[in-house]
């Protein structure tokens, strides 16, 4: 959930994530893990039916959604693009100018 750099250099972030799991309602946490991770339906076959321009966003350090599968998903779309933030984090900053440029190109609008 946190990058190696964050785990090594940000003890407050590590403590926050740890507390979030330890203090969470265990029934709700179990439901989230099962429904989001373990029983997540693969919707890849529906990608060709998406009719609007779509931007797949990822970070190069996100182990579950790297640029390669994002590019594959974008290729399956009628009008898909991919933007990958080069970062040491696992979460993208939507304020990143590169991502905004890709989003603008996809939507045809300026942010």
C-alpha atoms as a PDB file:
ATOM      1  CA  UNK A   1       0.000   0.000   0.000  1.00  0.00           C
ATOM      2  CA  UNK A   2       2.977   2.305   0.628  1.00  0.00           C
ATOM      3  CA  UNK A   3       6.091   2.506  -1.496  1.00  0.00           C
ATOM      4  CA  UNK A   4       9.410   1.325  -0.122  1.00  0.00           C
ATOM      5  CA  UNK A   5      10.587   4.937   0.059  1.00  0.00           C
ATOM      6  CA  UNK A   6       7.526   5.960   2.084  1.00  0.00           C
ATOM      7  CA  UNK A   7       7.882   2.989   4.419  1.00  0.00           C
ATOM      8  CA  UNK A   8      11.541   3.840   4.977  1.00  0.00           C
ATOM      9  CA  UNK A   9      11.193   7.595   5.309  1.00  0.00           C
ATOM     10  CA  UNK A  10       7.725   8.408   6.609  1.00  0.00           C
ATOM     11  CA  UNK A  11       6.949   6.695   9.915  1.00  0.00           C
ATOM     12  CA  UNK A  12       3.781   8.787  10.316  1.00  0.00           C
ATOM     13  CA  UNK A  13       2.365   7.411   7.055  1.00  0.00           C
ATOM     14  CA  UNK A  14       3.237   3.873   8.129  1.00  0.00           C
ATOM     15  CA  UNK A  15       1.534   4.409  11.495  1.00  0.00           C
ATOM     16  CA  UNK A  16      -1.558   5.873   9.813  1.00  0.00           C
ATOM     17  CA  UNK A  17      -1.967   2.903   7.492  1.00  0.00           C
ATOM     18  CA  UNK A  18      -1.326   0.451  10.322  1.00  0.00           C
ATOM     19  CA  UNK A  19      -3.926   2.171  12.533  1.00  0.00           C
ATOM     20  CA  UNK A  20      -6.423   2.181   9.667  1.00  0.00           C
ATOM     21  CA  UNK A  21      -6.293  -1.603   9.522  1.00  0.00           C
ATOM     22  CA  UNK A  22      -6.008  -2.308  13.246  1.00  0.00           C
ATOM     23  CA  UNK A  23      -8.815   0.054  14.252  1.00  0.00           C
ATOM     24  CA  UNK A  24     -11.151  -0.743  11.337  1.00  0.00           C
ATOM     25  CA  UNK A  25     -14.390  -2.602  11.907  1.00  0.00           C
ATOM     26  CA  UNK A  26     -13.163  -6.111  11.084  1.00  0.00           C
ATOM     27  CA  UNK A  27     -16.449  -7.188   9.476  1.00  0.00           C
ATOM     28  CA  UNK A  28     -16.376  -4.211   7.120  1.00  0.00           C
ATOM     29  CA  UNK A  29     -12.679  -4.671   6.402  1.00  0.00           C
ATOM     30  CA  UNK A  30     -13.244  -8.341   5.520  1.00  0.00           C
ATOM     31  CA  UNK A  31     -16.101  -7.392   3.201  1.00  0.00           C
ATOM     32  CA  UNK A  32     -13.926  -4.794   1.457  1.00  0.00           C
ATOM     33  CA  UNK A  33     -11.026  -7.198   0.937  1.00  0.00           C
ATOM     34  CA  UNK A  34     -13.255  -9.993  -0.344  1.00  0.00           C
ATOM     35  CA  UNK A  35     -15.382  -7.853  -2.654  1.00  0.00           C
ATOM     36  CA  UNK A  36     -12.659  -5.573  -4.015  1.00  0.00           C
ATOM     37  CA  UNK A  37      -9.713  -7.956  -4.199  1.00  0.00           C
ATOM     38  CA  UNK A  38     -10.744 -11.578  -4.023  1.00  0.00           C
ATOM     39  CA  UNK A  39     -14.055 -11.617  -5.863  1.00  0.00           C
ATOM     40  CA  UNK A  40     -13.524  -8.724  -8.230  1.00  0.00           C
ATOM     41  CA  UNK A  41     -15.158  -9.442 -11.542  1.00  0.00           C
ATOM     42  CA  UNK A  42     -12.969  -9.122 -14.629  1.00  0.00           C
ATOM     43  CA  UNK A  43     -14.643  -6.541 -16.848  1.00  0.00           C
ATOM     44  CA  UNK A  44     -11.969  -6.530 -19.562  1.00  0.00           C
ATOM     45  CA  UNK A  45     -14.362  -8.065 -22.079  1.00  0.00           C
ATOM     46  CA  UNK A  46     -16.567  -4.967 -21.781  1.00  0.00           C
ATOM     47  CA  UNK A  47     -13.824  -2.470 -22.658  1.00  0.00           C
ATOM     48  CA  UNK A  48     -14.557  -2.496 -26.420  1.00  0.00           C
ATOM     49  CA  UNK A  49     -18.131  -1.400 -25.604  1.00  0.00           C
ATOM     50  CA  UNK A  50     -17.001   1.818 -23.884  1.00  0.00           C
ATOM     51  CA  UNK A  51     -17.976   4.616 -26.277  1.00  0.00           C
ATOM     52  CA  UNK A  52     -16.389   7.653 -24.631  1.00  0.00           C
ATOM     53  CA  UNK A  53     -12.733   8.720 -24.686  1.00  0.00           C
ATOM     54  CA  UNK A  54     -11.069   7.105 -21.687  1.00  0.00           C
ATOM     55  CA  UNK A  55      -7.748   7.749 -19.984  1.00  0.00           C
ATOM     56  CA  UNK A  56      -6.194   4.942 -17.946  1.00  0.00           C
ATOM     57  CA  UNK A  57      -3.970   6.468 -15.253  1.00  0.00           C
ATOM     58  CA  UNK A  58      -1.303   4.614 -13.328  1.00  0.00           C
ATOM     59  CA  UNK A  59       2.056   5.020 -11.626  1.00  0.00           C
ATOM     60  CA  UNK A  60       5.119   3.086 -12.676  1.00  0.00           C
ATOM     61  CA  UNK A  61       5.548   1.821  -9.098  1.00  0.00           C
ATOM     62  CA  UNK A  62       1.967   0.572  -8.618  1.00  0.00           C
ATOM     63  CA  UNK A  63       2.402  -3.207  -8.470  1.00  0.00           C
ATOM     64  CA  UNK A  64      -1.237  -3.977  -9.220  1.00  0.00           C
ATOM     65  CA  UNK A  65      -1.709  -1.628 -12.180  1.00  0.00           C
ATOM     66  CA  UNK A  66       1.570  -1.020 -13.978  1.00  0.00           C
ATOM     67  CA  UNK A  67       1.833   0.831 -17.293  1.00  0.00           C
ATOM     68  CA  UNK A  68       1.789  -2.447 -19.280  1.00  0.00           C
ATOM     69  CA  UNK A  69      -1.702  -3.649 -18.242  1.00  0.00           C
ATOM     70  CA  UNK A  70      -2.972  -0.063 -18.381  1.00  0.00           C
ATOM     71  CA  UNK A  71      -1.741   0.207 -21.978  1.00  0.00           C
ATOM     72  CA  UNK A  72      -3.339  -3.135 -22.798  1.00  0.00           C
ATOM     73  CA  UNK A  73      -6.665  -1.962 -21.376  1.00  0.00           C
ATOM     74  CA  UNK A  74      -6.396   1.336 -23.267  1.00  0.00           C
ATOM     75  CA  UNK A  75      -5.790  -0.570 -26.503  1.00  0.00           C
ATOM     76  CA  UNK A  76      -8.989  -2.560 -25.939  1.00  0.00           C
ATOM     77  CA  UNK A  77     -11.012   0.662 -25.726  1.00  0.00           C
ATOM     78  CA  UNK A  78     -12.431   2.373 -28.808  1.00  0.00           C
ATOM     79  CA  UNK A  79     -10.720   5.622 -27.827  1.00  0.00           C
ATOM     80  CA  UNK A  80      -8.339   4.801 -25.004  1.00  0.00           C
ATOM     81  CA  UNK A  81      -5.100   6.328 -23.849  1.00  0.00           C
ATOM     82  CA  UNK A  82      -2.768   5.645 -20.968  1.00  0.00           C
ATOM     83  CA  UNK A  83      -0.805   8.050 -18.785  1.00  0.00           C
ATOM     84  CA  UNK A  84       1.798   6.749 -16.371  1.00  0.00           C
ATOM     85  CA  UNK A  85       3.336   8.972 -13.750  1.00  0.00           C
ATOM     86  CA  UNK A  86       7.022   8.304 -13.207  1.00  0.00           C
ATOM     87  CA  UNK A  87       7.318   8.364  -9.454  1.00  0.00           C
ATOM     88  CA  UNK A  88       8.562   6.452  -6.460  1.00  0.00           C
ATOM     89  CA  UNK A  89       5.042   6.385  -5.043  1.00  0.00           C
ATOM     90  CA  UNK A  90       2.360   3.777  -5.609  1.00  0.00           C
ATOM     91  CA  UNK A  91      -0.407   6.410  -5.842  1.00  0.00           C
ATOM     92  CA  UNK A  92      -0.566   8.973  -8.616  1.00  0.00           C
ATOM     93  CA  UNK A  93      -0.851  12.681  -8.000  1.00  0.00           C
ATOM     94  CA  UNK A  94      -3.694  13.891 -10.164  1.00  0.00           C
ATOM     95  CA  UNK A  95      -2.131  17.336  -9.916  1.00  0.00           C
ATOM     96  CA  UNK A  96       0.787  16.080 -12.035  1.00  0.00           C
ATOM     97  CA  UNK A  97       0.999  18.272 -15.188  1.00  0.00           C
ATOM     98  CA  UNK A  98       1.747  15.241 -17.395  1.00  0.00           C
ATOM     99  CA  UNK A  99      -1.472  13.561 -16.296  1.00  0.00           C
ATOM    100  CA  UNK A 100      -3.449  16.772 -16.833  1.00  0.00           C
ATOM    101  CA  UNK A 101      -2.028  17.099 -20.346  1.00  0.00           C
ATOM    102  CA  UNK A 102      -3.047  13.513 -21.129  1.00  0.00           C
ATOM    103  CA  UNK A 103      -6.495  14.122 -19.654  1.00  0.00           C
ATOM    104  CA  UNK A 104      -6.916  17.285 -21.720  1.00  0.00           C
ATOM    105  CA  UNK A 105      -5.908  15.432 -24.875  1.00  0.00           C
ATOM    106  CA  UNK A 106      -8.413  12.680 -24.104  1.00  0.00           C
ATOM    107  CA  UNK A 107     -11.330  14.938 -23.265  1.00  0.00           C
ATOM    108  CA  UNK A 108     -10.618  17.722 -25.725  1.00  0.00           C
ATOM    109  CA  UNK A 109     -10.957  20.252 -22.866  1.00  0.00           C
ATOM    110  CA  UNK A 110      -8.411  22.284 -21.011  1.00  0.00           C
ATOM    111  CA  UNK A 111      -8.385  21.856 -17.195  1.00  0.00           C
END
